[in-house]
Amino acid sequence: MANLPFTSLPTDDDVAFYRENGYWISPPILGDEVLDAAERGMRRHHAGDVDHGVPGDPDGSLWGWRAADGDVLRKNDFASLRVEELALLVHQPVIAACAARLAGVPEIRLWHDQLLHKPVGQGRRSNVGWHADRHYWRVCSSREMLTAWVPFHDITEAHGPVMFVQGSHRWSEQADLSFFDQDLAAIERFAARHDLRVASATLERGQVSFHHCRTLHGSGPNRGSGPRRSIAVHLQPGDNRHVPGGVGAAHDIDRLVALRPDGSPDYADPALCPRLWPPAGHP
């Protein structure tokens, strides 16, 4: 990856840290303009003001949070497919270039994204339970998928930042933990079998955290002065494929992407899973 047009890609030491700990926090790599646009895009999405429908979801069953759900933890999958300002952020080449360097792969494609809005208060109801993304991606052949978490503002401990269990991506076994299990004490049952070290992703605006698909992570309540606003950009190496026979539960994306000649979902469908790195025209 020599001669890349970025000065803030992971160094060799950063890559070693990621492979040892299962996460890495970048220096500031995104500017105010793209993040301001993402804030506008989030407000538009929450108001139902979108630019596109999601192909394959004509009834909006994959929309996620709607205003009628109230002031709770909001999660909207495939948001960048609907709103141009969110697509602008998700398609930032520097995010995908960092991901390619960390994963040690030549090509990164979008897997999908999740727009996340954590309200102030709400106690444990706004927790994100301890989980590993791989649990939801067992239909995928790649073991090197990863997530870029992009907050739209500074993140302090008060905001309920993402927390990572360091080194958990290397554990030989992981329990059936869930994003929706809001009891963060569930992680304690691992304490007797593992060195339980937890790190919080406190970030300045423009920084991005990356974590391996097997890294256990979650977040607590938001005690800040305003809602915690972010997007999770889930990324796949270019050689990722659907696992024949469907190991584990099917993923929602299976009903959206085109089919390959053998009838399996095409995780390289450019309409849903575009190549983000290298960009068109890059050697």
C-alpha atoms as a PDB file:
ATOM      1  CA  MET A   1       0.000   0.000   0.000  1.00  0.00           C
ATOM      2  CA  ALA A   2       2.858   2.331  -0.750  1.00  0.00           C
ATOM      3  CA  ASN A   3       2.220   5.785  -2.211  1.00  0.00           C
ATOM      4  CA  LEU A   4      -1.295   6.087  -0.810  1.00  0.00           C
ATOM      5  CA  PRO A   5      -2.720   9.614  -0.688  1.00  0.00           C
ATOM      6  CA  PHE A   6      -3.246   9.430   3.092  1.00  0.00           C
ATOM      7  CA  THR A   7      -0.848  10.278   5.895  1.00  0.00           C
ATOM      8  CA  SER A   8      -2.796   8.677   8.758  1.00  0.00           C
ATOM      9  CA  LEU A   9      -2.995   5.005   7.790  1.00  0.00           C
ATOM     10  CA  PRO A  10      -2.139   2.402  10.437  1.00  0.00           C
ATOM     11  CA  THR A  11       1.590   1.916  10.913  1.00  0.00           C
ATOM     12  CA  ASP A  12       3.173  -1.507  11.323  1.00  0.00           C
ATOM     13  CA  ASP A  13       2.936  -1.007  15.098  1.00  0.00           C
ATOM     14  CA  ASP A  14      -0.753  -0.081  14.787  1.00  0.00           C
ATOM     15  CA  VAL A  15      -1.447  -3.225  12.757  1.00  0.00           C
ATOM     16  CA  ALA A  16       0.371  -5.316  15.382  1.00  0.00           C
ATOM     17  CA  PHE A  17      -1.733  -3.658  18.099  1.00  0.00           C
ATOM     18  CA  TYR A  18      -4.940  -4.428  16.188  1.00  0.00           C
ATOM     19  CA  ARG A  19      -3.985  -8.059  15.705  1.00  0.00           C
ATOM     20  CA  GLU A  20      -3.114  -8.431  19.378  1.00  0.00           C
ATOM     21  CA  ASN A  21      -6.051  -6.519  20.871  1.00  0.00           C
ATOM     22  CA  GLY A  22      -8.783  -6.739  18.227  1.00  0.00           C
ATOM     23  CA  TYR A  23      -9.339  -2.998  17.838  1.00  0.00           C
ATOM     24  CA  TRP A  24      -7.535   0.187  16.810  1.00  0.00           C
ATOM     25  CA  ILE A  25      -8.399   3.882  17.163  1.00  0.00           C
ATOM     26  CA  SER A  26      -7.265   6.134  14.345  1.00  0.00           C
ATOM     27  CA  PRO A  27      -5.968   9.674  14.592  1.00  0.00           C
ATOM     28  CA  PRO A  28      -8.385  12.254  13.144  1.00  0.00           C
ATOM     29  CA  ILE A  29      -9.017  11.159   9.540  1.00  0.00           C
ATOM     30  CA  LEU A  30     -12.394  12.773   8.760  1.00  0.00           C
ATOM     31  CA  GLY A  31     -13.064  16.465   8.362  1.00  0.00           C
ATOM     32  CA  ASP A  32     -15.870  18.618   9.700  1.00  0.00           C
ATOM     33  CA  GLU A  33     -17.536  18.952   6.295  1.00  0.00           C
ATOM     34  CA  VAL A  34     -18.266  15.246   5.876  1.00  0.00           C
ATOM     35  CA  LEU A  35     -19.309  14.868   9.523  1.00  0.00           C
ATOM     36  CA  ASP A  36     -21.589  17.919   9.390  1.00  0.00           C
ATOM     37  CA  ALA A  37     -23.197  16.396   6.302  1.00  0.00           C
ATOM     38  CA  ALA A  38     -23.647  13.094   8.147  1.00  0.00           C
ATOM     39  CA  GLU A  39     -25.404  14.918  10.988  1.00  0.00           C
ATOM     40  CA  ARG A  40     -27.829  16.389   8.451  1.00  0.00           C
ATOM     41  CA  GLY A  41     -28.262  12.961   6.900  1.00  0.00           C
ATOM     42  CA  MET A  42     -29.118  11.415  10.261  1.00  0.00           C
ATOM     43  CA  ARG A  43     -31.761  14.068  10.925  1.00  0.00           C
ATOM     44  CA  ARG A  44     -33.220  13.524   7.462  1.00  0.00           C
ATOM     45  CA  HIS A  45     -33.322   9.743   7.873  1.00  0.00           C
ATOM     46  CA  HIS A  46     -35.022   9.995  11.256  1.00  0.00           C
ATOM     47  CA  ALA A  47     -37.614  12.329   9.705  1.00  0.00           C
ATOM     48  CA  GLY A  48     -38.250   9.871   6.858  1.00  0.00           C
ATOM     49  CA  ASP A  49     -36.740  12.244   4.277  1.00  0.00           C
ATOM     50  CA  VAL A  50     -34.632   9.899   2.128  1.00  0.00           C
ATOM     51  CA  ASP A  51     -33.178   9.974  -1.376  1.00  0.00           C
ATOM     52  CA  HIS A  52     -33.576   6.307  -2.293  1.00  0.00           C
ATOM     53  CA  GLY A  53     -35.377   3.165  -1.291  1.00  0.00           C
ATOM     54  CA  VAL A  54     -33.367   0.050  -0.530  1.00  0.00           C
ATOM     55  CA  PRO A  55     -33.502  -2.332  -3.500  1.00  0.00           C
ATOM     56  CA  GLY A  56     -35.264  -5.497  -2.440  1.00  0.00           C
ATOM     57  CA  ASP A  57     -37.066  -3.866   0.507  1.00  0.00           C
ATOM     58  CA  PRO A  58     -40.072  -2.157  -1.089  1.00  0.00           C
ATOM     59  CA  ASP A  59     -42.180  -2.302   2.072  1.00  0.00           C
ATOM     60  CA  GLY A  60     -39.479  -0.820   4.308  1.00  0.00           C
ATOM     61  CA  SER A  61     -39.440  -3.809   6.651  1.00  0.00           C
ATOM     62  CA  LEU A  62     -35.670  -3.346   7.131  1.00  0.00           C
ATOM     63  CA  TRP A  63     -35.992   0.353   8.011  1.00  0.00           C
ATOM     64  CA  GLY A  64     -35.420  -0.039  11.761  1.00  0.00           C
ATOM     65  CA  TRP A  65     -36.253   2.743  14.245  1.00  0.00           C
ATOM     66  CA  ARG A  66     -39.198   4.999  13.421  1.00  0.00           C
ATOM     67  CA  ALA A  67     -40.542   8.025  15.278  1.00  0.00           C
ATOM     68  CA  ALA A  68     -43.445   5.979  16.663  1.00  0.00           C
ATOM     69  CA  ASP A  69     -40.894   3.900  18.621  1.00  0.00           C
ATOM     70  CA  GLY A  70     -40.161   6.863  20.876  1.00  0.00           C
ATOM     71  CA  ASP A  71     -36.986   8.147  22.508  1.00  0.00           C
ATOM     72  CA  VAL A  72     -35.102   4.870  22.715  1.00  0.00           C
ATOM     73  CA  LEU A  73     -31.859   3.500  21.296  1.00  0.00           C
ATOM     74  CA  ARG A  74     -32.251   4.009  17.543  1.00  0.00           C
ATOM     75  CA  LYS A  75     -30.739   1.604  14.989  1.00  0.00           C
ATOM     76  CA  ASN A  76     -31.345   1.926  11.249  1.00  0.00           C
ATOM     77  CA  ASP A  77     -29.645  -0.614   8.991  1.00  0.00           C
ATOM     78  CA  PHE A  78     -28.629   0.190   5.383  1.00  0.00           C
ATOM     79  CA  ALA A  79     -28.970   3.932   6.081  1.00  0.00           C
ATOM     80  CA  SER A  80     -26.255   4.886   3.585  1.00  0.00           C
ATOM     81  CA  LEU A  81     -28.290   3.302   0.797  1.00  0.00           C
ATOM     82  CA  ARG A  82     -31.135   5.715   1.554  1.00  0.00           C
ATOM     83  CA  VAL A  83     -29.452   9.055   2.314  1.00  0.00           C
ATOM     84  CA  GLU A  84     -26.734  10.656   0.179  1.00  0.00           C
ATOM     85  CA  GLU A  85     -25.005  12.474   3.055  1.00  0.00           C
ATOM     86  CA  LEU A  86     -24.546   9.174   4.873  1.00  0.00           C
ATOM     87  CA  ALA A  87     -23.271   7.494   1.717  1.00  0.00           C
ATOM     88  CA  LEU A  88     -20.687  10.277   1.407  1.00  0.00           C
ATOM     89  CA  LEU A  89     -19.274   9.343   4.813  1.00  0.00           C
ATOM     90  CA  VAL A  90     -19.466   5.568   4.364  1.00  0.00           C
ATOM     91  CA  HIS A  91     -17.650   5.805   1.012  1.00  0.00           C
ATOM     92  CA  GLN A  92     -14.711   7.839   2.356  1.00  0.00           C
ATOM     93  CA  PRO A  93     -11.656   6.075   0.873  1.00  0.00           C
ATOM     94  CA  VAL A  94      -9.512   6.694   3.947  1.00  0.00           C
ATOM     95  CA  ILE A  95     -11.830   4.534   6.099  1.00  0.00           C
ATOM     96  CA  ALA A  96     -11.614   1.610   3.700  1.00  0.00           C
ATOM     97  CA  ALA A  97      -7.862   2.079   3.218  1.00  0.00           C
ATOM     98  CA  CYS A  98      -7.336   1.851   6.989  1.00  0.00           C
ATOM     99  CA  ALA A  99      -9.526  -1.270   7.099  1.00  0.00           C
ATOM    100  CA  ALA A 100      -7.548  -2.926   4.285  1.00  0.00           C
ATOM    101  CA  ARG A 101      -4.282  -2.244   6.095  1.00  0.00           C
ATOM    102  CA  LEU A 102      -5.563  -3.604   9.407  1.00  0.00           C
ATOM    103  CA  ALA A 103      -7.110  -6.724   7.848  1.00  0.00           C
ATOM    104  CA  GLY A 104      -4.110  -7.319   5.599  1.00  0.00           C
ATOM    105  CA  VAL A 105      -6.205  -7.560   2.432  1.00  0.00           C
ATOM    106  CA  PRO A 106      -5.966  -5.799  -0.944  1.00  0.00           C
ATOM    107  CA  GLU A 107      -9.670  -5.028  -1.349  1.00  0.00           C
ATOM    108  CA  ILE A 108     -12.458  -3.837   0.943  1.00  0.00           C
ATOM    109  CA  ARG A 109     -16.165  -3.826   0.129  1.00  0.00           C
ATOM    110  CA  LEU A 110     -19.086  -2.444   2.074  1.00  0.00           C
ATOM    111  CA  TRP A 111     -20.981  -5.144   3.974  1.00  0.00           C
ATOM    112  CA  HIS A 112     -23.672  -2.906   5.438  1.00  0.00           C
ATOM    113  CA  ASP A 113     -24.043  -0.022   7.889  1.00  0.00           C
ATOM    114  CA  GLN A 114     -26.063   0.891  10.960  1.00  0.00           C
ATOM    115  CA  LEU A 115     -27.070   4.421  11.907  1.00  0.00           C
ATOM    116  CA  LEU A 116     -26.995   4.631  15.729  1.00  0.00           C
ATOM    117  CA  HIS A 117     -28.520   7.236  18.046  1.00  0.00           C
ATOM    118  CA  LYS A 118     -28.217   6.726  21.820  1.00  0.00           C
ATOM    119  CA  PRO A 119     -30.490   9.068  23.817  1.00  0.00           C
ATOM    120  CA  VAL A 120     -29.513  10.666  27.102  1.00  0.00           C
ATOM    121  CA  GLY A 121     -30.677   8.720  30.133  1.00  0.00           C
ATOM    122  CA  GLN A 122     -32.929   5.685  29.700  1.00  0.00           C
ATOM    123  CA  GLY A 123     -30.666   3.671  32.039  1.00  0.00           C
ATOM    124  CA  ARG A 124     -29.840   0.179  30.857  1.00  0.00           C
ATOM    125  CA  ARG A 125     -32.516   0.434  28.148  1.00  0.00           C
ATOM    126  CA  SER A 126     -29.987   2.311  26.016  1.00  0.00           C
ATOM    127  CA  ASN A 127     -27.193  -0.215  26.595  1.00  0.00           C
ATOM    128  CA  VAL A 128     -25.790  -2.167  23.668  1.00  0.00           C
ATOM    129  CA  GLY A 129     -25.168  -5.671  24.945  1.00  0.00           C
ATOM    130  CA  TRP A 130     -21.826  -7.430  24.728  1.00  0.00           C
ATOM    131  CA  HIS A 131     -21.597  -9.208  21.382  1.00  0.00           C
ATOM    132  CA  ALA A 132     -19.281 -10.066  18.513  1.00  0.00           C
ATOM    133  CA  ASP A 133     -20.369  -9.114  15.011  1.00  0.00           C
ATOM    134  CA  ARG A 134     -19.207 -12.480  13.681  1.00  0.00           C
ATOM    135  CA  HIS A 135     -22.138 -14.092  15.534  1.00  0.00           C
ATOM    136  CA  TYR A 136     -24.466 -12.363  13.036  1.00  0.00           C
ATOM    137  CA  TRP A 137     -22.205 -12.961  10.031  1.00  0.00           C
ATOM    138  CA  ARG A 138     -21.746 -16.726  10.105  1.00  0.00           C
ATOM    139  CA  VAL A 139     -23.003 -16.910   6.509  1.00  0.00           C
ATOM    140  CA  CYS A 140     -19.709 -15.248   5.512  1.00  0.00           C
ATOM    141  CA  SER A 141     -16.539 -17.080   4.481  1.00  0.00           C
ATOM    142  CA  SER A 142     -14.150 -14.343   5.643  1.00  0.00           C
ATOM    143  CA  ARG A 143     -12.747 -14.346   9.179  1.00  0.00           C
ATOM    144  CA  GLU A 144     -11.220 -10.891   8.714  1.00  0.00           C
ATOM    145  CA  MET A 145     -14.345  -8.734   8.454  1.00  0.00           C
ATOM    146  CA  LEU A 146     -14.261  -5.611  10.583  1.00  0.00           C
ATOM    147  CA  THR A 147     -16.243  -2.553  11.616  1.00  0.00           C
ATOM    148  CA  ALA A 148     -15.411   1.148  11.556  1.00  0.00           C
ATOM    149  CA  TRP A 149     -17.350   3.069  14.214  1.00  0.00           C
ATOM    150  CA  VAL A 150     -17.675   6.728  13.247  1.00  0.00           C
ATOM    151  CA  PRO A 151     -19.078   9.137  15.837  1.00  0.00           C
ATOM    152  CA  PHE A 152     -20.298  12.492  14.575  1.00  0.00           C
ATOM    153  CA  HIS A 153     -18.966  14.429  17.593  1.00  0.00           C
ATOM    154  CA  ASP A 154     -16.475  14.104  20.447  1.00  0.00           C
ATOM    155  CA  ILE A 155     -17.073  10.981  22.532  1.00  0.00           C
ATOM    156  CA  THR A 156     -16.313  11.053  26.262  1.00  0.00           C
ATOM    157  CA  GLU A 157     -16.879   8.431  28.919  1.00  0.00           C
ATOM    158  CA  ALA A 158     -20.171  10.191  29.710  1.00  0.00           C
ATOM    159  CA  HIS A 159     -21.588   9.382  26.254  1.00  0.00           C
ATOM    160  CA  GLY A 160     -21.548   5.606  26.734  1.00  0.00           C
ATOM    161  CA  PRO A 161     -18.699   4.916  24.289  1.00  0.00           C
ATOM    162  CA  VAL A 162     -18.131   1.588  22.586  1.00  0.00           C
ATOM    163  CA  MET A 163     -16.131  -0.694  24.888  1.00  0.00           C
ATOM    164  CA  PHE A 164     -13.893  -3.502  23.623  1.00  0.00           C
ATOM    165  CA  VAL A 165     -12.792  -6.666  25.423  1.00  0.00           C
ATOM    166  CA  GLN A 166      -9.142  -6.656  24.462  1.00  0.00           C
ATOM    167  CA  GLY A 167      -7.912  -9.819  22.769  1.00  0.00           C
ATOM    168  CA  SER A 168     -11.360 -11.447  22.727  1.00  0.00           C
ATOM    169  CA  HIS A 169     -11.120 -11.961  18.945  1.00  0.00           C
ATOM    170  CA  ARG A 170      -8.464 -14.593  19.706  1.00  0.00           C
ATOM    171  CA  TRP A 171     -10.569 -16.580  22.190  1.00  0.00           C
ATOM    172  CA  SER A 172     -11.238 -20.127  21.013  1.00  0.00           C
ATOM    173  CA  GLU A 173     -14.846 -19.950  22.188  1.00  0.00           C
ATOM    174  CA  GLN A 174     -17.372 -17.183  22.639  1.00  0.00           C
ATOM    175  CA  ALA A 175     -20.779 -17.366  24.248  1.00  0.00           C
ATOM    176  CA  ASP A 176     -24.004 -16.611  22.425  1.00  0.00           C
ATOM    177  CA  LEU A 177     -24.041 -12.963  23.505  1.00  0.00           C
ATOM    178  CA  SER A 178     -26.445 -10.498  21.924  1.00  0.00           C
ATOM    179  CA  PHE A 179     -26.524  -6.845  20.836  1.00  0.00           C
ATOM    180  CA  PHE A 180     -29.997  -6.691  22.380  1.00  0.00           C
ATOM    181  CA  ASP A 181     -29.066  -8.143  25.802  1.00  0.00           C
ATOM    182  CA  GLN A 182     -28.818  -4.929  27.783  1.00  0.00           C
ATOM    183  CA  ASP A 183     -27.387  -6.621  30.892  1.00  0.00           C
ATOM    184  CA  LEU A 184     -23.730  -5.607  30.623  1.00  0.00           C
ATOM    185  CA  ALA A 185     -22.932  -7.786  33.649  1.00  0.00           C
ATOM    186  CA  ALA A 186     -23.272 -10.802  31.333  1.00  0.00           C
ATOM    187  CA  ILE A 187     -19.602 -10.435  30.421  1.00  0.00           C
ATOM    188  CA  GLU A 188     -18.532 -11.247  33.961  1.00  0.00           C
ATOM    189  CA  ARG A 189     -19.048 -14.984  33.447  1.00  0.00           C
ATOM    190  CA  PHE A 190     -15.945 -14.925  31.260  1.00  0.00           C
ATOM    191  CA  ALA A 191     -13.786 -13.487  34.031  1.00  0.00           C
ATOM    192  CA  ALA A 192     -12.818 -16.893  35.418  1.00  0.00           C
ATOM    193  CA  ARG A 193     -11.613 -18.162  32.021  1.00  0.00           C
ATOM    194  CA  HIS A 194     -10.082 -15.096  30.409  1.00  0.00           C
ATOM    195  CA  ASP A 195      -7.996 -12.042  31.130  1.00  0.00           C
ATOM    196  CA  LEU A 196     -10.892  -9.607  31.025  1.00  0.00           C
ATOM    197  CA  ARG A 197      -9.438  -6.262  29.930  1.00  0.00           C
ATOM    198  CA  VAL A 198     -11.900  -3.618  28.714  1.00  0.00           C
ATOM    199  CA  ALA A 199     -10.985  -0.494  26.756  1.00  0.00           C
ATOM    200  CA  SER A 200     -13.317   2.419  25.957  1.00  0.00           C
ATOM    201  CA  ALA A 201     -13.320   4.240  22.615  1.00  0.00           C
ATOM    202  CA  THR A 202     -13.235   7.859  23.761  1.00  0.00           C
ATOM    203  CA  LEU A 203     -12.672   9.853  20.587  1.00  0.00           C
ATOM    204  CA  GLU A 204     -12.230  13.351  19.280  1.00  0.00           C
ATOM    205  CA  ARG A 205     -14.409  14.328  16.355  1.00  0.00           C
ATOM    206  CA  GLY A 206     -12.816  12.945  13.205  1.00  0.00           C
ATOM    207  CA  GLN A 207     -11.321   9.872  14.844  1.00  0.00           C
ATOM    208  CA  VAL A 208     -12.628   6.415  13.935  1.00  0.00           C
ATOM    209  CA  SER A 209     -12.436   3.159  15.885  1.00  0.00           C
ATOM    210  CA  PHE A 210     -11.986  -0.159  14.070  1.00  0.00           C
ATOM    211  CA  HIS A 211     -12.652  -3.595  15.526  1.00  0.00           C
ATOM    212  CA  HIS A 212     -12.332  -7.189  14.355  1.00  0.00           C
ATOM    213  CA  CYS A 213     -15.534  -9.123  13.711  1.00  0.00           C
ATOM    214  CA  ARG A 214     -14.795 -11.476  16.645  1.00  0.00           C
ATOM    215  CA  THR A 215     -14.008  -8.732  19.160  1.00  0.00           C
ATOM    216  CA  LEU A 216     -16.551  -8.562  21.962  1.00  0.00           C
ATOM    217  CA  HIS A 217     -17.911  -5.053  22.376  1.00  0.00           C
ATOM    218  CA  GLY A 218     -20.854  -3.175  23.866  1.00  0.00           C
ATOM    219  CA  SER A 219     -21.726   0.182  25.409  1.00  0.00           C
ATOM    220  CA  GLY A 220     -23.406   1.598  28.486  1.00  0.00           C
ATOM    221  CA  PRO A 221     -25.924   4.403  28.992  1.00  0.00           C
ATOM    222  CA  ASN A 222     -25.428   7.929  27.700  1.00  0.00           C
ATOM    223  CA  ARG A 223     -24.968  10.367  30.582  1.00  0.00           C
ATOM    224  CA  GLY A 224     -23.799  13.226  28.374  1.00  0.00           C
ATOM    225  CA  SER A 225     -25.568  16.455  27.556  1.00  0.00           C
ATOM    226  CA  GLY A 226     -26.977  15.280  24.204  1.00  0.00           C
ATOM    227  CA  PRO A 227     -27.656  12.088  22.224  1.00  0.00           C
ATOM    228  CA  ARG A 228     -24.690   9.994  21.090  1.00  0.00           C
ATOM    229  CA  ARG A 229     -24.785  10.028  17.266  1.00  0.00           C
ATOM    230  CA  SER A 230     -22.750   7.686  15.080  1.00  0.00           C
ATOM    231  CA  ILE A 231     -22.702   5.183  12.255  1.00  0.00           C
ATOM    232  CA  ALA A 232     -21.179   1.696  12.246  1.00  0.00           C
ATOM    233  CA  VAL A 233     -19.671   0.851   8.859  1.00  0.00           C
ATOM    234  CA  HIS A 234     -19.349  -2.921   8.492  1.00  0.00           C
ATOM    235  CA  LEU A 235     -16.673  -3.930   6.006  1.00  0.00           C
ATOM    236  CA  GLN A 236     -15.728  -7.125   4.186  1.00  0.00           C
ATOM    237  CA  PRO A 237     -12.573  -8.229   2.364  1.00  0.00           C
ATOM    238  CA  GLY A 238     -13.040  -8.502  -1.386  1.00  0.00           C
ATOM    239  CA  ASP A 239     -12.840 -12.304  -1.312  1.00  0.00           C
ATOM    240  CA  ASN A 240     -15.718 -12.737   1.154  1.00  0.00           C
ATOM    241  CA  ARG A 241     -18.392 -15.099  -0.104  1.00  0.00           C
ATOM    242  CA  HIS A 242     -21.640 -16.635   1.100  1.00  0.00           C
ATOM    243  CA  VAL A 243     -20.972 -19.923   2.875  1.00  0.00           C
ATOM    244  CA  PRO A 244     -22.692 -22.738   0.929  1.00  0.00           C
ATOM    245  CA  GLY A 245     -25.412 -24.266   3.015  1.00  0.00           C
ATOM    246  CA  GLY A 246     -25.778 -21.181   5.178  1.00  0.00           C
ATOM    247  CA  VAL A 247     -23.724 -21.754   8.336  1.00  0.00           C
ATOM    248  CA  GLY A 248     -25.745 -20.029  11.050  1.00  0.00           C
ATOM    249  CA  ALA A 249     -28.769 -17.834  10.554  1.00  0.00           C
ATOM    250  CA  ALA A 250     -29.284 -16.019   7.254  1.00  0.00           C
ATOM    251  CA  HIS A 251     -28.482 -12.324   7.116  1.00  0.00           C
ATOM    252  CA  ASP A 252     -30.963  -9.667   5.962  1.00  0.00           C
ATOM    253  CA  ILE A 253     -28.610  -8.728   3.152  1.00  0.00           C
ATOM    254  CA  ASP A 254     -29.212 -12.139   1.565  1.00  0.00           C
ATOM    255  CA  ARG A 255     -32.631 -10.982   0.376  1.00  0.00           C
ATOM    256  CA  LEU A 256     -31.281  -7.729  -1.074  1.00  0.00           C
ATOM    257  CA  VAL A 257     -28.227  -8.641  -3.118  1.00  0.00           C
ATOM    258  CA  ALA A 258     -28.217 -10.214  -6.573  1.00  0.00           C
ATOM    259  CA  LEU A 259     -27.676 -13.945  -6.926  1.00  0.00           C
ATOM    260  CA  ARG A 260     -24.552 -15.607  -8.215  1.00  0.00           C
ATOM    261  CA  PRO A 261     -24.788 -18.204 -11.019  1.00  0.00           C
ATOM    262  CA  ASP A 262     -24.964 -20.964  -8.401  1.00  0.00           C
ATOM    263  CA  GLY A 263     -27.976 -19.279  -6.759  1.00  0.00           C
ATOM    264  CA  SER A 264     -26.119 -18.035  -3.665  1.00  0.00           C
ATOM    265  CA  PRO A 265     -26.248 -14.385  -2.510  1.00  0.00           C
ATOM    266  CA  ASP A 266     -23.609 -12.244  -4.206  1.00  0.00           C
ATOM    267  CA  TYR A 267     -21.714 -10.319  -1.536  1.00  0.00           C
ATOM    268  CA  ALA A 268     -19.873  -8.476  -4.316  1.00  0.00           C
ATOM    269  CA  ASP A 269     -23.086  -7.013  -5.737  1.00  0.00           C
ATOM    270  CA  PRO A 270     -21.951  -3.471  -6.626  1.00  0.00           C
ATOM    271  CA  ALA A 271     -25.373  -1.978  -5.895  1.00  0.00           C
ATOM    272  CA  LEU A 272     -25.430  -3.161  -2.274  1.00  0.00           C
ATOM    273  CA  CYS A 273     -21.810  -4.025  -1.480  1.00  0.00           C
ATOM    274  CA  PRO A 274     -19.691  -1.644  -3.570  1.00  0.00           C
ATOM    275  CA  ARG A 275     -15.918  -1.796  -3.566  1.00  0.00           C
ATOM    276  CA  LEU A 276     -14.618   0.958  -1.299  1.00  0.00           C
ATOM    277  CA  TRP A 277     -10.899   0.223  -1.584  1.00  0.00           C
ATOM    278  CA  PRO A 278      -9.122   0.559  -3.899  1.00  0.00           C
ATOM    279  CA  PRO A 279     -11.308   3.234  -5.490  1.00  0.00           C
ATOM    280  CA  ALA A 280     -11.901   3.253  -9.217  1.00  0.00           C
ATOM    281  CA  GLY A 281      -8.810   4.300 -11.108  1.00  0.00           C
ATOM    282  CA  HIS A 282      -6.415   3.591  -8.226  1.00  0.00           C
ATOM    283  CA  PRO A 283      -3.511   1.319  -9.137  1.00  0.00           C
END
